[in-house]
Amino acid sequence: MMRLIGRRNPADEEESYMDDESSEQAPAEESNDLLTLLDQLERTLTTAGRVPMTGRLLVDEEALYTILDQIRTSGQAGIRQARAIVRHRDQITDESQQEAARIVAEATAQADAMVAEGGLAERASRRARELLDDAERQAREVEAEADQYAGQVLLALRDRLQRIQALLQEGDLAAE
């Protein structure tokens, strides 16, 4: 079905929203890469005919909704991936804290053993401090790397979503 872009009918939008909940997911072999889908959307809009004397676009409504559904599906996958990365980062952080606690316990046990063996309290205390400092440094490094990785993935996702939003806004502005 062809549709003039420019003015929206609120009833159509509500109907479209209802259709989104019941629509089937696109097959796995179809490309759901966000940038590819945005290129398809742009191509659909730039190749659309114009209605004489109005400057409005005449577009294939079904094609636009299909692309938008695929973008929505792809965006949801990206969000799920980002959440999984954050969970993974939290898991790494927890593991590094557990490892640090294990190393501290081991250092304390070694220090106690050294003291018991011959009054080497000063040397044992120094070694315990070294082990503790090393464990804390390792935990900070692992946590910093996990935070950096999660931040990079979230920034990339944010950039993609901003490009989608800008494209959609450009379509709305062109239609006015």
C-alpha atoms as a PDB file:
ATOM      1  CA  MET A   1       0.000   0.000   0.000  1.00  0.00           C
ATOM      2  CA  MET A   2       1.365   3.417  -0.897  1.00  0.00           C
ATOM      3  CA  ARG A   3       1.021   6.222   1.613  1.00  0.00           C
ATOM      4  CA  LEU A   4       1.677   9.931   1.580  1.00  0.00           C
ATOM      5  CA  ILE A   5       4.276  10.936   4.125  1.00  0.00           C
ATOM      6  CA  GLY A   6       3.668  14.218   5.870  1.00  0.00           C
ATOM      7  CA  ARG A   7       0.578  14.008   8.006  1.00  0.00           C
ATOM      8  CA  ARG A   8       0.003  11.158  10.396  1.00  0.00           C
ATOM      9  CA  ASN A   9      -3.287   9.637  11.275  1.00  0.00           C
ATOM     10  CA  PRO A  10      -3.269   8.823  15.041  1.00  0.00           C
ATOM     11  CA  ALA A  11      -5.588   5.857  14.425  1.00  0.00           C
ATOM     12  CA  ASP A  12      -3.007   4.366  12.012  1.00  0.00           C
ATOM     13  CA  GLU A  13      -0.238   4.776  14.599  1.00  0.00           C
ATOM     14  CA  GLU A  14      -2.299   3.074  17.297  1.00  0.00           C
ATOM     15  CA  GLU A  15      -3.137   0.229  14.925  1.00  0.00           C
ATOM     16  CA  SER A  16       0.536  -0.048  13.967  1.00  0.00           C
ATOM     17  CA  TYR A  17       1.527  -0.194  17.622  1.00  0.00           C
ATOM     18  CA  MET A  18      -0.912  -3.024  18.197  1.00  0.00           C
ATOM     19  CA  ASP A  19       0.474  -4.884  15.169  1.00  0.00           C
ATOM     20  CA  ASP A  20       4.018  -4.627  16.607  1.00  0.00           C
ATOM     21  CA  GLU A  21       3.107  -6.800  19.564  1.00  0.00           C
ATOM     22  CA  SER A  22       1.707  -9.600  17.446  1.00  0.00           C
ATOM     23  CA  SER A  23       4.082  -9.458  14.476  1.00  0.00           C
ATOM     24  CA  GLU A  24       6.412 -12.361  13.783  1.00  0.00           C
ATOM     25  CA  GLN A  25      10.158 -11.945  14.062  1.00  0.00           C
ATOM     26  CA  ALA A  26      12.122 -11.632  10.847  1.00  0.00           C
ATOM     27  CA  PRO A  27      13.809 -14.879   9.760  1.00  0.00           C
ATOM     28  CA  ALA A  28      17.362 -15.333  10.991  1.00  0.00           C
ATOM     29  CA  GLU A  29      18.787 -15.356   7.456  1.00  0.00           C
ATOM     30  CA  GLU A  30      17.519 -11.800   6.827  1.00  0.00           C
ATOM     31  CA  SER A  31      20.029  -9.099   7.565  1.00  0.00           C
ATOM     32  CA  ASN A  32      19.178  -7.401  10.837  1.00  0.00           C
ATOM     33  CA  ASP A  33      22.352  -5.365  10.957  1.00  0.00           C
ATOM     34  CA  LEU A  34      21.262  -1.945  12.145  1.00  0.00           C
ATOM     35  CA  LEU A  35      23.323   0.022   9.658  1.00  0.00           C
ATOM     36  CA  THR A  36      22.129  -2.109   6.740  1.00  0.00           C
ATOM     37  CA  LEU A  37      18.536  -1.579   7.827  1.00  0.00           C
ATOM     38  CA  LEU A  38      19.078   2.157   8.091  1.00  0.00           C
ATOM     39  CA  ASP A  39      20.541   2.136   4.583  1.00  0.00           C
ATOM     40  CA  GLN A  40      17.432   0.286   3.358  1.00  0.00           C
ATOM     41  CA  LEU A  41      15.177   2.843   5.063  1.00  0.00           C
ATOM     42  CA  GLU A  42      17.106   5.726   3.551  1.00  0.00           C
ATOM     43  CA  ARG A  43      17.036   4.084   0.108  1.00  0.00           C
ATOM     44  CA  THR A  44      13.272   3.567   0.387  1.00  0.00           C
ATOM     45  CA  LEU A  45      12.752   7.221   1.281  1.00  0.00           C
ATOM     46  CA  THR A  46      15.139   8.637  -1.333  1.00  0.00           C
ATOM     47  CA  THR A  47      13.690   6.538  -4.150  1.00  0.00           C
ATOM     48  CA  ALA A  48      10.085   7.361  -3.252  1.00  0.00           C
ATOM     49  CA  GLY A  49       8.102   9.367  -5.745  1.00  0.00           C
ATOM     50  CA  ARG A  50       6.852  12.839  -4.948  1.00  0.00           C
ATOM     51  CA  VAL A  51       3.271  14.034  -5.220  1.00  0.00           C
ATOM     52  CA  PRO A  52       3.211  16.990  -7.606  1.00  0.00           C
ATOM     53  CA  MET A  53       2.711  20.438  -6.068  1.00  0.00           C
ATOM     54  CA  THR A  54       2.865  19.181  -2.470  1.00  0.00           C
ATOM     55  CA  GLY A  55       6.454  18.107  -2.004  1.00  0.00           C
ATOM     56  CA  ARG A  56       5.202  15.077  -0.082  1.00  0.00           C
ATOM     57  CA  LEU A  57       6.632  11.615  -0.582  1.00  0.00           C
ATOM     58  CA  LEU A  58       4.619   8.693  -1.858  1.00  0.00           C
ATOM     59  CA  VAL A  59       6.125   5.617  -0.190  1.00  0.00           C
ATOM     60  CA  ASP A  60       5.344   1.949   0.189  1.00  0.00           C
ATOM     61  CA  GLU A  61       3.949   1.949   3.724  1.00  0.00           C
ATOM     62  CA  GLU A  62       4.343  -1.813   4.167  1.00  0.00           C
ATOM     63  CA  ALA A  63       8.026  -1.660   3.190  1.00  0.00           C
ATOM     64  CA  LEU A  64       8.675   1.129   5.708  1.00  0.00           C
ATOM     65  CA  TYR A  65       6.917  -0.736   8.504  1.00  0.00           C
ATOM     66  CA  THR A  66       8.810  -3.910   7.660  1.00  0.00           C
ATOM     67  CA  ILE A  67      12.136  -2.073   7.879  1.00  0.00           C
ATOM     68  CA  LEU A  68      11.089  -0.327  11.109  1.00  0.00           C
ATOM     69  CA  ASP A  69      10.102  -3.684  12.637  1.00  0.00           C
ATOM     70  CA  GLN A  70      13.510  -5.095  11.695  1.00  0.00           C
ATOM     71  CA  ILE A  71      15.247  -2.034  13.195  1.00  0.00           C
ATOM     72  CA  ARG A  72      13.232  -2.487  16.378  1.00  0.00           C
ATOM     73  CA  THR A  73      14.162  -6.184  16.521  1.00  0.00           C
ATOM     74  CA  SER A  74      17.821  -5.404  15.885  1.00  0.00           C
ATOM     75  CA  GLY A  75      17.802  -2.674  18.549  1.00  0.00           C
ATOM     76  CA  GLN A  76      16.310  -5.058  21.067  1.00  0.00           C
ATOM     77  CA  ALA A  77      19.049  -7.574  20.284  1.00  0.00           C
ATOM     78  CA  GLY A  78      21.657  -4.876  20.873  1.00  0.00           C
ATOM     79  CA  ILE A  79      20.109  -3.955  24.192  1.00  0.00           C
ATOM     80  CA  ARG A  80      20.049  -7.621  25.246  1.00  0.00           C
ATOM     81  CA  GLN A  81      23.716  -7.905  24.247  1.00  0.00           C
ATOM     82  CA  ALA A  82      24.618  -4.793  26.266  1.00  0.00           C
ATOM     83  CA  ARG A  83      22.807  -6.170  29.298  1.00  0.00           C
ATOM     84  CA  ALA A  84      24.678  -9.464  28.933  1.00  0.00           C
ATOM     85  CA  ILE A  85      27.964  -7.550  28.785  1.00  0.00           C
ATOM     86  CA  VAL A  86      27.096  -5.643  31.954  1.00  0.00           C
ATOM     87  CA  ARG A  87      26.205  -8.927  33.683  1.00  0.00           C
ATOM     88  CA  HIS A  88      29.505 -10.409  32.498  1.00  0.00           C
ATOM     89  CA  ARG A  89      31.403  -7.357  33.788  1.00  0.00           C
ATOM     90  CA  ASP A  90      29.658  -7.704  37.173  1.00  0.00           C
ATOM     91  CA  GLN A  91      30.568 -11.395  37.252  1.00  0.00           C
ATOM     92  CA  ILE A  92      34.223 -10.579  36.498  1.00  0.00           C
ATOM     93  CA  THR A  93      34.202  -7.937  39.235  1.00  0.00           C
ATOM     94  CA  ASP A  94      32.714 -10.388  41.744  1.00  0.00           C
ATOM     95  CA  GLU A  95      35.260 -13.049  40.800  1.00  0.00           C
ATOM     96  CA  SER A  96      38.154 -10.594  41.143  1.00  0.00           C
ATOM     97  CA  GLN A  97      36.904  -9.528  44.578  1.00  0.00           C
ATOM     98  CA  GLN A  98      36.625 -13.173  45.627  1.00  0.00           C
ATOM     99  CA  GLU A  99      40.140 -13.813  44.326  1.00  0.00           C
ATOM    100  CA  ALA A 100      41.411 -10.771  46.228  1.00  0.00           C
ATOM    101  CA  ALA A 101      39.757 -12.041  49.415  1.00  0.00           C
ATOM    102  CA  ARG A 102      41.296 -15.485  48.849  1.00  0.00           C
ATOM    103  CA  ILE A 103      44.751 -13.949  48.364  1.00  0.00           C
ATOM    104  CA  VAL A 104      44.347 -11.835  51.513  1.00  0.00           C
ATOM    105  CA  ALA A 105      43.315 -14.905  53.491  1.00  0.00           C
ATOM    106  CA  GLU A 106      46.284 -16.807  52.078  1.00  0.00           C
ATOM    107  CA  ALA A 107      48.656 -13.947  52.924  1.00  0.00           C
ATOM    108  CA  THR A 108      47.276 -13.755  56.440  1.00  0.00           C
ATOM    109  CA  ALA A 109      47.688 -17.489  56.874  1.00  0.00           C
ATOM    110  CA  GLN A 110      51.265 -17.318  55.586  1.00  0.00           C
ATOM    111  CA  ALA A 111      52.044 -14.418  57.899  1.00  0.00           C
ATOM    112  CA  ASP A 112      50.638 -16.287  60.883  1.00  0.00           C
ATOM    113  CA  ALA A 113      52.686 -19.361  59.945  1.00  0.00           C
ATOM    114  CA  MET A 114      55.887 -17.296  59.645  1.00  0.00           C
ATOM    115  CA  VAL A 115      55.309 -15.702  63.032  1.00  0.00           C
ATOM    116  CA  ALA A 116      54.685 -19.090  64.581  1.00  0.00           C
ATOM    117  CA  GLU A 117      57.845 -20.548  63.017  1.00  0.00           C
ATOM    118  CA  GLY A 118      60.364 -18.261  64.512  1.00  0.00           C
ATOM    119  CA  GLY A 119      59.281 -14.763  65.403  1.00  0.00           C
ATOM    120  CA  LEU A 120      59.500 -13.392  61.895  1.00  0.00           C
ATOM    121  CA  ALA A 121      56.682 -10.958  62.555  1.00  0.00           C
ATOM    122  CA  GLU A 122      58.190  -8.048  60.661  1.00  0.00           C
ATOM    123  CA  ARG A 123      58.981 -10.055  57.542  1.00  0.00           C
ATOM    124  CA  ALA A 124      55.591 -11.751  57.625  1.00  0.00           C
ATOM    125  CA  SER A 125      53.793  -8.444  57.970  1.00  0.00           C
ATOM    126  CA  ARG A 126      55.741  -6.962  55.049  1.00  0.00           C
ATOM    127  CA  ARG A 127      54.992 -10.010  52.859  1.00  0.00           C
ATOM    128  CA  ALA A 128      51.302  -9.856  53.802  1.00  0.00           C
ATOM    129  CA  ARG A 129      51.191  -6.177  52.809  1.00  0.00           C
ATOM    130  CA  GLU A 130      52.869  -6.978  49.497  1.00  0.00           C
ATOM    131  CA  LEU A 131      50.425  -9.789  48.752  1.00  0.00           C
ATOM    132  CA  LEU A 132      47.480  -7.624  49.730  1.00  0.00           C
ATOM    133  CA  ASP A 133      48.688  -4.702  47.594  1.00  0.00           C
ATOM    134  CA  ASP A 134      49.247  -7.045  44.660  1.00  0.00           C
ATOM    135  CA  ALA A 135      45.779  -8.594  45.014  1.00  0.00           C
ATOM    136  CA  GLU A 136      44.115  -5.192  45.204  1.00  0.00           C
ATOM    137  CA  ARG A 137      46.051  -3.949  42.164  1.00  0.00           C
ATOM    138  CA  GLN A 138      45.045  -7.019  40.155  1.00  0.00           C
ATOM    139  CA  ALA A 139      41.406  -6.605  41.177  1.00  0.00           C
ATOM    140  CA  ARG A 140      41.444  -2.915  40.126  1.00  0.00           C
ATOM    141  CA  GLU A 141      43.004  -3.789  36.766  1.00  0.00           C
ATOM    142  CA  VAL A 142      40.433  -6.495  36.008  1.00  0.00           C
ATOM    143  CA  GLU A 143      37.568  -4.230  37.059  1.00  0.00           C
ATOM    144  CA  ALA A 144      38.918  -1.316  34.992  1.00  0.00           C
ATOM    145  CA  GLU A 145      39.260  -3.526  31.901  1.00  0.00           C
ATOM    146  CA  ALA A 146      35.711  -4.846  32.342  1.00  0.00           C
ATOM    147  CA  ASP A 147      34.339  -1.314  32.803  1.00  0.00           C
ATOM    148  CA  GLN A 148      36.211  -0.074  29.734  1.00  0.00           C
ATOM    149  CA  TYR A 149      34.930  -2.931  27.569  1.00  0.00           C
ATOM    150  CA  ALA A 150      31.328  -2.472  28.731  1.00  0.00           C
ATOM    151  CA  GLY A 151      31.624   1.283  28.188  1.00  0.00           C
ATOM    152  CA  GLN A 152      32.854   0.822  24.619  1.00  0.00           C
ATOM    153  CA  VAL A 153      30.000  -1.524  23.764  1.00  0.00           C
ATOM    154  CA  LEU A 154      27.406   0.767  25.344  1.00  0.00           C
ATOM    155  CA  LEU A 155      28.828   3.805  23.505  1.00  0.00           C
ATOM    156  CA  ALA A 156      28.662   1.976  20.193  1.00  0.00           C
ATOM    157  CA  LEU A 157      25.053   0.989  20.886  1.00  0.00           C
ATOM    158  CA  ARG A 158      24.184   4.559  21.889  1.00  0.00           C
ATOM    159  CA  ASP A 159      25.728   5.922  18.674  1.00  0.00           C
ATOM    160  CA  ARG A 160      23.720   3.477  16.583  1.00  0.00           C
ATOM    161  CA  LEU A 161      20.489   4.347  18.365  1.00  0.00           C
ATOM    162  CA  GLN A 162      21.182   8.082  17.935  1.00  0.00           C
ATOM    163  CA  ARG A 163      21.710   7.558  14.199  1.00  0.00           C
ATOM    164  CA  ILE A 164      18.391   5.741  13.996  1.00  0.00           C
ATOM    165  CA  GLN A 165      16.645   8.506  15.892  1.00  0.00           C
ATOM    166  CA  ALA A 166      18.213  11.180  13.677  1.00  0.00           C
ATOM    167  CA  LEU A 167      17.168   9.324  10.548  1.00  0.00           C
ATOM    168  CA  LEU A 168      13.631   8.943  11.818  1.00  0.00           C
ATOM    169  CA  GLN A 169      13.491  12.625  12.772  1.00  0.00           C
ATOM    170  CA  GLU A 170      14.796  13.601   9.348  1.00  0.00           C
ATOM    171  CA  GLY A 171      11.986  11.559   7.825  1.00  0.00           C
ATOM    172  CA  ASP A 172       9.433  13.316  10.030  1.00  0.00           C
ATOM    173  CA  LEU A 173      10.891  16.762   9.192  1.00  0.00           C
ATOM    174  CA  ALA A 174      10.980  16.011   5.469  1.00  0.00           C
ATOM    175  CA  ALA A 175       7.373  14.977   5.677  1.00  0.00           C
ATOM    176  CA  GLU A 176       6.197  18.219   7.247  1.00  0.00           C
END
